[in-house]
Protein backbone atom coordinates (compact mmCIF):
# COMPACT_ATOMS: atom_id res chain seq x y z
CA MET A 1 123.20 140.16 102.93
CA SER A 2 122.87 136.83 103.84
CA ASN A 3 124.52 134.70 101.50
CA ASP A 4 121.78 132.21 102.50
CA LEU A 5 119.30 134.26 100.40
CA PRO A 6 118.20 132.50 96.70
CA GLN A 7 120.09 135.13 93.72
CA THR A 8 118.94 135.79 90.15
CA ILE A 9 122.61 136.56 88.18
CA GLY A 10 121.98 138.72 84.92
CA ILE A 11 124.94 138.26 82.84
CA ASP A 12 125.44 140.97 79.81
CA ILE A 13 128.39 139.27 77.34
CA SER A 14 130.48 141.39 74.90
CA LYS A 15 133.28 140.55 73.37
CA ALA A 16 135.97 141.49 75.82
CA ALA A 17 134.18 141.02 78.85
CA LEU A 18 131.00 139.32 80.77
CA GLY A 19 129.47 142.25 83.43
CA CYS A 20 127.60 140.92 86.02
CA HIS A 21 124.38 141.70 88.36
CA ALA A 22 123.29 140.07 91.34
CA PRO A 23 119.94 140.71 92.68
CA PRO A 24 118.74 141.06 95.53
CA ALA A 25 122.61 140.76 96.67
CA GLY A 26 122.68 143.91 94.19
CA ILE A 27 126.31 143.40 93.26
CA ASP A 28 127.87 144.28 90.23
CA ARG A 29 131.16 142.69 88.93
CA GLN A 30 133.02 142.52 85.59
CA PHE A 31 135.01 139.44 84.33
CA PRO A 32 136.82 138.74 81.43
CA ASN A 33 135.67 137.18 78.71
CA THR A 34 138.53 134.33 78.79
CA ALA A 35 139.07 130.76 80.14
CA LYS A 36 140.79 132.57 83.58
CA GLY A 37 137.70 135.16 84.02
CA HIS A 38 134.75 132.41 83.18
CA LYS A 39 136.22 130.41 86.49
CA ALA A 40 136.53 133.69 88.44
CA LEU A 41 132.48 134.14 87.48
CA ILE A 42 131.81 130.72 88.69
CA VAL A 43 133.44 131.19 91.98
CA TRP A 44 131.85 134.24 92.57
CA ALA A 45 128.37 132.97 91.56
CA ARG A 46 128.90 130.05 94.12
CA LYS A 47 128.98 132.45 97.26
CA TRP A 48 124.97 132.20 97.04
CA GLN A 49 122.19 130.01 96.33
CA THR A 50 121.99 130.60 92.80
CA GLU A 51 118.44 130.00 91.05
CA ARG A 52 119.16 131.31 87.58
CA ILE A 53 121.62 133.19 85.56
CA ALA A 54 120.00 135.15 82.73
CA TYR A 55 122.52 135.94 79.82
CA GLU A 56 122.04 137.75 76.42
CA ALA A 57 122.32 135.86 73.75
CA THR A 58 125.39 137.19 71.14
CA GLY A 59 124.17 138.76 68.23
CA THR A 60 120.47 139.23 69.45
CA LEU A 61 118.46 140.69 67.31
CA ALA A 62 114.58 141.67 68.57
CA LYS A 63 116.11 144.51 71.01
CA THR A 64 115.93 148.31 70.84
CA ASP A 65 118.32 149.35 73.54
CA ARG A 66 121.21 147.92 75.28
CA ILE A 67 119.84 144.77 77.63
CA ASP A 68 122.62 144.78 80.59
CA ALA A 69 122.98 142.74 83.49
CA ARG A 70 120.98 144.33 85.54
CA LEU A 71 117.47 144.49 82.81
CA LEU A 72 118.38 140.58 82.42
CA ALA A 73 118.57 139.50 86.41
CA ARG A 74 115.11 141.58 86.61
CA MET A 75 113.28 139.90 83.53
CA ALA A 76 114.77 136.24 85.18
CA ILE A 77 113.16 137.55 88.81
CA ALA A 78 109.58 138.88 86.81
CA LEU A 79 109.18 135.94 84.41
CA GLN A 80 110.82 133.02 86.09
CA PRO A 81 111.77 131.45 83.11
CA PRO A 82 112.40 127.73 82.80
CA VAL A 83 115.87 126.68 83.84
CA ARG A 84 117.95 124.80 80.67
CA PRO A 85 119.81 122.05 82.09
CA ALA A 86 123.67 121.68 80.69
CA ARG A 87 124.23 119.64 78.02
CA SER A 88 125.93 116.32 79.05
CA PRO A 89 129.64 115.36 77.97
CA GLN A 90 128.05 112.92 75.33
CA GLN A 91 126.48 115.65 74.09
CA ASN A 92 129.23 117.77 73.87
CA GLN A 93 131.33 115.09 72.13
CA LEU A 94 128.31 114.83 69.39
CA ALA A 95 128.22 118.31 69.17
CA GLU A 96 132.16 118.47 67.88
CA LEU A 97 131.91 115.77 66.07
CA VAL A 98 129.09 116.72 64.20
CA ASN A 99 130.25 120.43 63.40
CA ALA A 100 133.87 118.54 62.72
CA ARG A 101 131.50 117.20 59.52
CA ASP A 102 129.78 119.56 58.63
CA GLY A 103 133.20 121.48 58.12
CA LEU A 104 134.47 118.46 56.16
CA VAL A 105 130.98 119.08 54.06
CA ARG A 106 131.52 122.67 53.36
CA ASP A 107 134.96 122.02 52.28
CA ARG A 108 133.69 118.83 49.71
CA THR A 109 131.59 121.58 48.23
CA ALA A 110 134.32 124.34 48.22
CA LEU A 111 136.87 121.65 46.18
CA LYS A 112 134.29 121.12 43.72
CA ASN A 113 135.60 124.58 42.13
CA LEU A 114 139.71 122.89 41.66
CA THR A 115 140.78 120.82 39.31
CA VAL A 116 139.29 117.28 38.28
CA THR A 117 142.69 115.75 39.22
CA LEU A 118 142.61 117.75 42.33
CA LEU A 119 138.72 117.29 42.91
CA LYS A 120 138.71 113.76 42.50
CA ARG A 121 141.74 113.49 44.94
CA HIS A 122 140.10 115.65 47.68
CA CYS A 123 136.51 114.66 47.06
CA SER A 124 137.85 110.86 47.52
CA GLN A 125 139.27 111.78 50.97
CA ARG A 126 136.50 113.85 52.39
CA LEU A 127 134.22 111.15 51.50
CA GLU A 128 136.41 108.26 53.66
CA GLN A 129 136.65 111.25 56.49
CA ILE A 130 132.88 112.10 56.67
CA ALA A 131 132.31 108.37 56.00
CA ALA A 132 134.69 107.91 59.87
CA LEU A 133 132.69 110.24 61.43
CA ASP A 134 129.30 109.07 60.28
CA ALA A 135 130.51 106.08 62.15
CA GLU A 136 132.21 107.77 65.20
CA ILE A 137 128.44 109.61 65.36
CA ALA A 138 126.73 106.02 65.25
CA ALA A 139 129.01 104.82 67.77
CA VAL A 140 128.83 107.52 70.41
CA ILE A 141 124.75 107.26 70.11
CA ALA A 142 124.87 103.53 70.57
CA ALA A 143 126.46 103.10 73.37
CA ASP A 144 124.25 105.97 75.37
CA GLU A 145 121.20 104.77 75.99
CA LYS A 146 119.34 108.30 76.73
CA LEU A 147 120.56 109.49 73.38
CA ALA A 148 120.05 106.44 71.49
CA ARG A 149 116.43 106.51 73.09
CA ARG A 150 116.63 110.22 71.66
CA HIS A 151 117.69 108.64 68.48
CA ASP A 152 114.92 106.18 67.77
CA ILE A 153 112.06 108.89 68.40
CA LEU A 154 113.49 111.24 65.76
CA THR A 155 113.98 109.51 63.19
CA SER A 156 110.48 107.44 63.86
CA ILE A 157 109.15 110.87 62.24
CA ALA A 158 108.23 110.50 58.85
CA GLY A 159 110.67 112.83 56.74
CA LEU A 160 113.36 113.01 59.60
CA GLY A 161 116.33 110.92 58.55
CA THR A 162 119.75 109.92 60.44
CA LEU A 163 121.60 113.09 59.94
CA THR A 164 119.11 115.69 60.69
CA ALA A 165 118.53 113.45 64.14
CA ASN A 166 122.73 113.53 64.92
CA GLN A 167 122.02 117.62 64.10
CA ILE A 168 119.23 117.96 66.85
CA ILE A 169 120.78 115.61 69.53
CA ALA A 170 123.91 117.59 69.30
CA THR A 171 122.14 120.97 69.22
CA MET A 172 119.09 120.87 70.79
CA THR A 173 119.38 123.25 73.89
CA SER A 174 120.13 125.65 70.84
CA PRO A 175 117.34 127.89 69.17
CA ALA A 176 117.28 127.41 65.29
CA GLY A 177 115.87 130.65 64.49
CA LEU A 178 112.87 130.00 63.05
CA ALA A 179 110.93 132.53 64.90
CA PRO A 180 109.88 135.66 62.12
CA VAL A 181 111.81 138.90 63.18
CA ALA A 182 109.20 141.69 62.85
CA ARG A 183 111.05 144.86 60.67
CA GLN A 184 108.79 148.07 62.11
CA SER A 185 109.69 151.75 62.27
CA GLY A 186 106.83 153.89 63.25
CA GLN A 187 103.94 153.08 61.08
CA TRP A 188 106.34 151.62 58.25
CA LYS A 189 106.33 147.58 58.31
CA GLY A 190 108.21 145.58 56.10
CA LYS A 191 108.15 142.20 55.55
CA SER A 192 109.28 139.40 58.45
CA PHE A 193 111.92 137.16 58.02
CA ILE A 194 114.19 134.49 59.68
CA ARG A 195 117.30 135.18 61.33
CA GLY A 196 119.80 134.28 64.40
CA GLY A 197 120.41 130.92 66.06
CA ARG A 198 121.73 128.05 64.48
CA ALA A 199 122.47 128.50 60.55
CA ASN A 200 123.18 124.25 60.36
CA VAL A 201 119.69 123.79 62.38
CA ARG A 202 118.29 125.56 60.07
CA GLN A 203 119.70 124.28 56.94
CA ALA A 204 119.40 120.54 58.24
CA LEU A 205 115.98 120.87 58.15
CA TYR A 206 115.07 122.40 54.87
CA MET A 207 115.33 118.93 53.17
CA PRO A 208 113.75 116.67 56.06
CA ALA A 209 110.62 120.10 55.45
CA LEU A 210 110.29 118.79 52.22
CA VAL A 211 110.21 115.74 52.11
CA ALA A 212 107.42 116.00 55.05
CA ALA A 213 105.44 118.19 53.32
CA ARG A 214 105.08 115.55 50.77
CA PHE A 215 105.03 112.18 52.94
CA ASN A 216 104.18 113.05 56.15
CA PRO A 217 100.78 113.28 56.53
CA ASP A 218 100.12 115.62 59.52
CA LEU A 219 102.57 117.81 58.56
CA LYS A 220 101.80 117.51 54.56
CA ALA A 221 98.12 118.64 55.75
CA ARG A 222 99.48 121.89 57.43
CA TYR A 223 102.00 122.83 54.10
CA GLN A 224 98.69 122.41 51.94
CA GLN A 225 96.49 124.74 53.92
CA LEU A 226 99.01 127.49 54.35
CA ILE A 227 99.23 127.06 50.26
CA ALA A 228 95.66 126.99 50.00
CA ALA A 229 95.35 130.28 52.32
CA GLY A 230 97.66 131.91 50.10
CA LYS A 231 100.82 131.80 51.71
CA PRO A 232 103.96 131.81 49.46
CA ALA A 233 105.85 128.28 49.39
CA LYS A 234 108.99 130.11 51.30
CA ILE A 235 106.19 130.28 54.29
CA ALA A 236 104.92 127.16 54.06
CA ILE A 237 108.14 125.33 54.36
CA THR A 238 109.07 127.67 57.00
CA THR A 239 106.49 126.40 59.59
CA VAL A 240 107.25 123.07 58.45
CA MET A 241 110.51 123.31 59.29
CA ARG A 242 109.35 125.38 63.06
CA LYS A 243 107.40 121.93 63.09
CA LEU A 244 109.79 119.77 63.10
CA VAL A 245 111.31 121.28 66.19
CA VAL A 246 108.59 121.70 68.05
CA MET A 247 107.64 117.97 67.20
CA PRO A 248 110.67 116.50 68.63
CA ASN A 249 110.30 118.08 71.48
CA ALA A 250 106.91 117.53 72.77
CA LEU A 251 107.95 113.46 71.54
CA LEU A 252 110.92 113.43 73.79
CA LYS A 253 109.40 115.11 76.53
CA ALA A 254 106.53 112.24 76.07
CA ASP A 255 109.24 109.63 75.89
CA ARG A 256 106.82 108.23 72.78
CA LEU A 257 107.79 107.43 69.41
CA TRP A 258 106.04 109.60 66.52
CA THR A 259 102.61 108.22 65.37
CA PRO A 260 100.90 109.97 62.53
CA ALA A 261 97.59 112.20 63.84
CA ARG A 262 94.11 110.08 63.20
CA ALA A 263 91.96 111.60 60.98
């Protein structure tokens, strides 16, 4: 088959290997899930004019049968999902800095269980390191016009501060895992719950959601509407958190600052 025909590649990801299927060529290949295997996969994929690459996210929950490479490729051909652009080098650098900062914050929390003397010394060191990372993160954003504009848009939203904006910018191509996962078997139905996605994004959105539920007029109205309808506070806050994911995406797409909705 001609290499000029557009291809869709499905990739089934496991810890050891990457199983690939390329229709309409109908070719199956498997590559080791290593740096060398990744390079070989890229060389193989460049044989065609590839339109889409669909892959199974690690730890997928919403499935009953194993999603293989062929099913992923057929799904991509049938549904034609939007192609997500790769993160820029600046975003990758920012993601590493934000992840490093998260690690230091976790270390600082763990150190609270040590003796008072050690606690003061280590906490002081962590505070200095966190401050240094905060300064470096701010410098990376300020040096990139696109990232700086995104940061301005995000921080214009009432209830969403600098730290949360940094987290969203660094991981904005990754899901937050705020969609409810259904629990159902036969006629039995259990309560839905949220799981999967980026835990650090969910954690970063929790406190801003609490603030937004009080001081952001749009989200406050939505929160109070859910409470009045008898929804648990946890469900209402999760809805606000989800809004804090959807709203920034809409504003970034429109390239405009947030303004309260008119009554």
